[in-house]
Amino acid sequence: MAPTLFEHGAKPGDLIEIFRGTYEHWAVYIGGNEVVHLIPPSDDSSPFGNLLMLLDSSRAQVRRQKIWEVVGHHRFEINNLLDHKYEPRDRRVIVREACRMVNLELPYNPVSHNCEHFVTELRYGESESRQVNRAVVIGGAAVAGVGVIALGAALLATLLKGDHDDAETRHHRRHQ
């Protein structure tokens, strides 16, 4: 069951991961049931509008909103994903810097500067995105998989051609 308005348990400076089906959106909790997040302009006229805008936008705005406005009907969790790797900054510093950035327009790139990069930079002083890292690994595995399949197909074709050539040679010798 999703947390209710008063049961989410987030503390100022915590990272909020919002599961939106095809991707995760990230925000930093600043207290008072509010979050700060980086979001490209959205087009709500299309069911794919948000995802398409994420992929097609080069600019995004830092917004401060109630957590429930951002989460909507999606599932979310507190996920301070890199606490094991980096020392989190002081919560007051995270909140102060997040609030100072509200309404700024920043460069946006799904690979190098997305909402996850934004919040990890605020919390840890280091910009990282697991989504991008996963996509690179999956993409690399897919490319490697396609390469293995292509290599296998080429070897099979060579073997079959070799068998076909041997059969033709035997057939030709018999009829001479």
Protein backbone atom coordinates (compact mmCIF):
# COMPACT_ATOMS: atom_id res chain seq x y z
CA MET A 1 0.00 0.00 0.00
CA ALA A 2 1.32 3.45 -0.90
CA PRO A 3 2.19 5.74 2.00
CA THR A 4 -0.46 8.27 2.92
CA LEU A 5 0.14 11.99 3.06
CA PHE A 6 1.40 11.87 6.64
CA GLU A 7 3.07 8.44 6.59
CA HIS A 8 5.72 8.79 3.88
CA GLY A 9 8.52 9.08 6.47
CA ALA A 10 10.76 11.33 4.38
CA LYS A 11 13.14 13.71 6.12
CA PRO A 12 14.44 16.93 4.59
CA GLY A 13 17.25 16.09 2.19
CA ASP A 14 15.97 12.58 1.38
CA LEU A 15 15.70 11.54 -2.24
CA ILE A 16 12.30 10.45 -3.53
CA GLU A 17 12.14 7.95 -6.39
CA ILE A 18 8.84 7.97 -8.27
CA PHE A 19 8.07 4.96 -10.46
CA ARG A 20 6.33 6.12 -13.62
CA GLY A 21 6.27 2.88 -15.56
CA THR A 22 8.85 3.38 -18.30
CA TYR A 23 11.16 5.54 -16.20
CA GLU A 24 11.76 6.83 -12.68
CA HIS A 25 11.42 10.48 -11.75
CA TRP A 26 13.47 11.88 -8.86
CA ALA A 27 12.91 14.69 -6.38
CA VAL A 28 14.49 15.87 -3.14
CA TYR A 29 12.25 16.21 -0.10
CA ILE A 30 12.54 19.62 1.58
CA GLY A 31 9.98 19.26 4.39
CA GLY A 32 6.40 20.43 4.75
CA ASN A 33 5.28 17.73 2.27
CA GLU A 34 7.18 19.55 -0.49
CA VAL A 35 9.81 18.43 -2.95
CA VAL A 36 12.14 20.16 -5.38
CA HIS A 37 12.74 18.50 -8.72
CA LEU A 38 14.04 19.10 -12.24
CA ILE A 39 11.41 18.70 -14.91
CA PRO A 40 11.35 19.47 -18.64
CA PRO A 41 8.26 21.20 -20.03
CA SER A 42 5.42 18.69 -20.25
CA ASP A 43 2.67 18.02 -22.73
CA ASP A 44 -0.25 16.43 -20.93
CA SER A 45 -2.25 16.04 -24.16
CA SER A 46 -0.49 12.77 -24.97
CA PRO A 47 -0.27 9.67 -22.78
CA PHE A 48 3.38 9.52 -23.83
CA GLY A 49 3.87 13.29 -23.52
CA ASN A 50 5.96 13.26 -20.35
CA LEU A 51 8.33 10.57 -21.60
CA LEU A 52 8.61 12.17 -25.04
CA MET A 53 9.34 15.57 -23.48
CA LEU A 54 12.01 13.99 -21.29
CA LEU A 55 13.72 12.64 -24.38
CA ASP A 56 13.18 15.69 -26.58
CA SER A 57 13.93 18.60 -24.26
CA SER A 58 17.28 20.35 -23.83
CA ARG A 59 16.09 22.61 -20.99
CA ALA A 60 14.29 21.93 -17.73
CA GLN A 61 12.98 23.95 -14.83
CA VAL A 62 13.60 23.45 -11.14
CA ARG A 63 10.20 23.32 -9.43
CA ARG A 64 9.00 23.28 -5.84
CA GLN A 65 5.73 21.40 -5.40
CA LYS A 66 3.72 19.38 -2.93
CA ILE A 67 4.94 15.80 -2.98
CA TRP A 68 1.49 14.53 -3.97
CA GLU A 69 1.32 16.83 -6.99
CA VAL A 70 4.56 15.28 -8.25
CA VAL A 71 3.84 11.67 -7.27
CA GLY A 72 0.24 11.65 -8.49
CA HIS A 73 -1.08 8.09 -8.68
CA HIS A 74 2.39 6.54 -9.05
CA ARG A 75 4.26 4.48 -6.50
CA PHE A 76 7.25 6.12 -4.79
CA GLU A 77 9.83 5.43 -2.14
CA ILE A 78 12.54 7.19 -0.20
CA ASN A 79 15.77 6.11 -1.90
CA ASN A 80 19.03 7.62 -0.73
CA LEU A 81 20.68 5.35 -3.27
CA LEU A 82 24.30 6.43 -2.95
CA ASP A 83 24.64 6.76 0.85
CA HIS A 84 26.89 3.68 0.78
CA LYS A 85 29.18 5.33 -1.77
CA TYR A 86 29.20 9.03 -0.78
CA GLU A 87 28.79 10.93 2.47
CA PRO A 88 25.46 12.78 2.29
CA ARG A 89 25.73 16.52 2.72
CA ASP A 90 24.12 18.21 5.71
CA ARG A 91 20.31 18.16 5.33
CA ARG A 92 20.04 21.93 5.85
CA VAL A 93 22.56 22.53 3.06
CA ILE A 94 20.67 20.21 0.70
CA VAL A 95 17.36 21.96 1.40
CA ARG A 96 18.86 25.46 1.20
CA GLU A 97 20.55 24.75 -2.15
CA ALA A 98 17.46 23.05 -3.55
CA CYS A 99 15.26 26.02 -2.59
CA ARG A 100 17.75 28.52 -4.07
CA MET A 101 17.48 26.73 -7.41
CA VAL A 102 13.66 26.88 -7.63
CA ASN A 103 12.48 28.48 -10.89
CA LEU A 104 15.91 28.26 -12.51
CA GLU A 105 16.03 26.88 -16.02
CA LEU A 106 18.88 24.41 -16.43
CA PRO A 107 20.32 22.36 -19.28
CA TYR A 108 18.64 18.98 -19.55
CA ASN A 109 19.94 15.81 -21.13
CA PRO A 110 18.49 12.35 -20.41
CA VAL A 111 21.99 10.87 -20.40
CA SER A 112 24.17 13.49 -18.72
CA HIS A 113 21.92 15.85 -16.74
CA ASN A 114 18.52 14.43 -15.83
CA CYS A 115 16.38 14.63 -12.69
CA GLU A 116 18.39 11.86 -10.98
CA HIS A 117 21.68 13.65 -11.69
CA PHE A 118 20.08 16.81 -10.25
CA VAL A 119 19.06 15.27 -6.91
CA THR A 120 22.24 13.24 -6.42
CA GLU A 121 24.26 16.42 -6.98
CA LEU A 122 22.20 18.13 -4.27
CA ARG A 123 22.48 15.28 -1.75
CA TYR A 124 26.05 14.12 -2.35
CA GLY A 125 27.79 16.83 -4.32
CA GLU A 126 28.23 14.15 -6.99
CA SER A 127 26.07 13.81 -10.09
CA GLU A 128 25.10 10.21 -10.93
CA SER A 129 22.24 8.34 -12.55
CA ARG A 130 21.62 4.64 -12.07
CA GLN A 131 19.00 4.77 -14.83
CA VAL A 132 21.64 5.87 -17.31
CA ASN A 133 24.15 3.33 -15.99
CA ARG A 134 21.54 0.55 -16.33
CA ALA A 135 20.62 1.69 -19.83
CA VAL A 136 24.29 1.64 -20.86
CA VAL A 137 24.74 -1.88 -19.45
CA ILE A 138 21.50 -3.12 -21.03
CA GLY A 139 22.34 -1.40 -24.31
CA GLY A 140 25.83 -2.88 -24.26
CA ALA A 141 24.42 -6.32 -23.51
CA ALA A 142 21.89 -5.92 -26.31
CA VAL A 143 24.62 -4.89 -28.76
CA ALA A 144 26.79 -7.79 -27.58
CA GLY A 145 23.79 -10.14 -27.88
CA VAL A 146 23.08 -8.97 -31.41
CA GLY A 147 26.77 -9.42 -32.21
CA VAL A 148 26.78 -12.98 -30.85
CA ILE A 149 23.62 -13.79 -32.82
CA ALA A 150 25.12 -12.30 -35.99
CA LEU A 151 28.37 -14.22 -35.44
CA GLY A 152 26.41 -17.43 -34.84
CA ALA A 153 24.34 -16.85 -37.98
CA ALA A 154 27.48 -16.18 -40.01
CA LEU A 155 29.14 -19.37 -38.71
CA LEU A 156 26.00 -21.39 -39.38
CA ALA A 157 25.75 -19.95 -42.89
CA THR A 158 29.40 -20.81 -43.49
CA LEU A 159 28.90 -24.36 -42.23
CA LEU A 160 25.75 -24.82 -44.31
CA LYS A 161 27.48 -23.35 -47.36
CA GLY A 162 30.39 -25.72 -46.75
CA ASP A 163 28.00 -28.69 -46.56
CA HIS A 164 26.22 -27.45 -49.70
CA ASP A 165 29.55 -27.01 -51.56
CA ASP A 166 30.66 -30.52 -50.48
CA ALA A 167 27.36 -31.99 -51.70
CA GLU A 168 27.71 -30.17 -55.04
CA THR A 169 31.29 -31.41 -55.40
CA ARG A 170 30.22 -35.03 -54.71
CA HIS A 171 27.30 -34.66 -57.14
CA HIS A 172 29.59 -33.18 -59.82
CA ARG A 173 32.17 -36.00 -59.42
CA ARG A 174 29.50 -38.69 -59.74
CA HIS A 175 28.23 -37.27 -63.00
CA GLN A 176 31.59 -36.89 -64.74
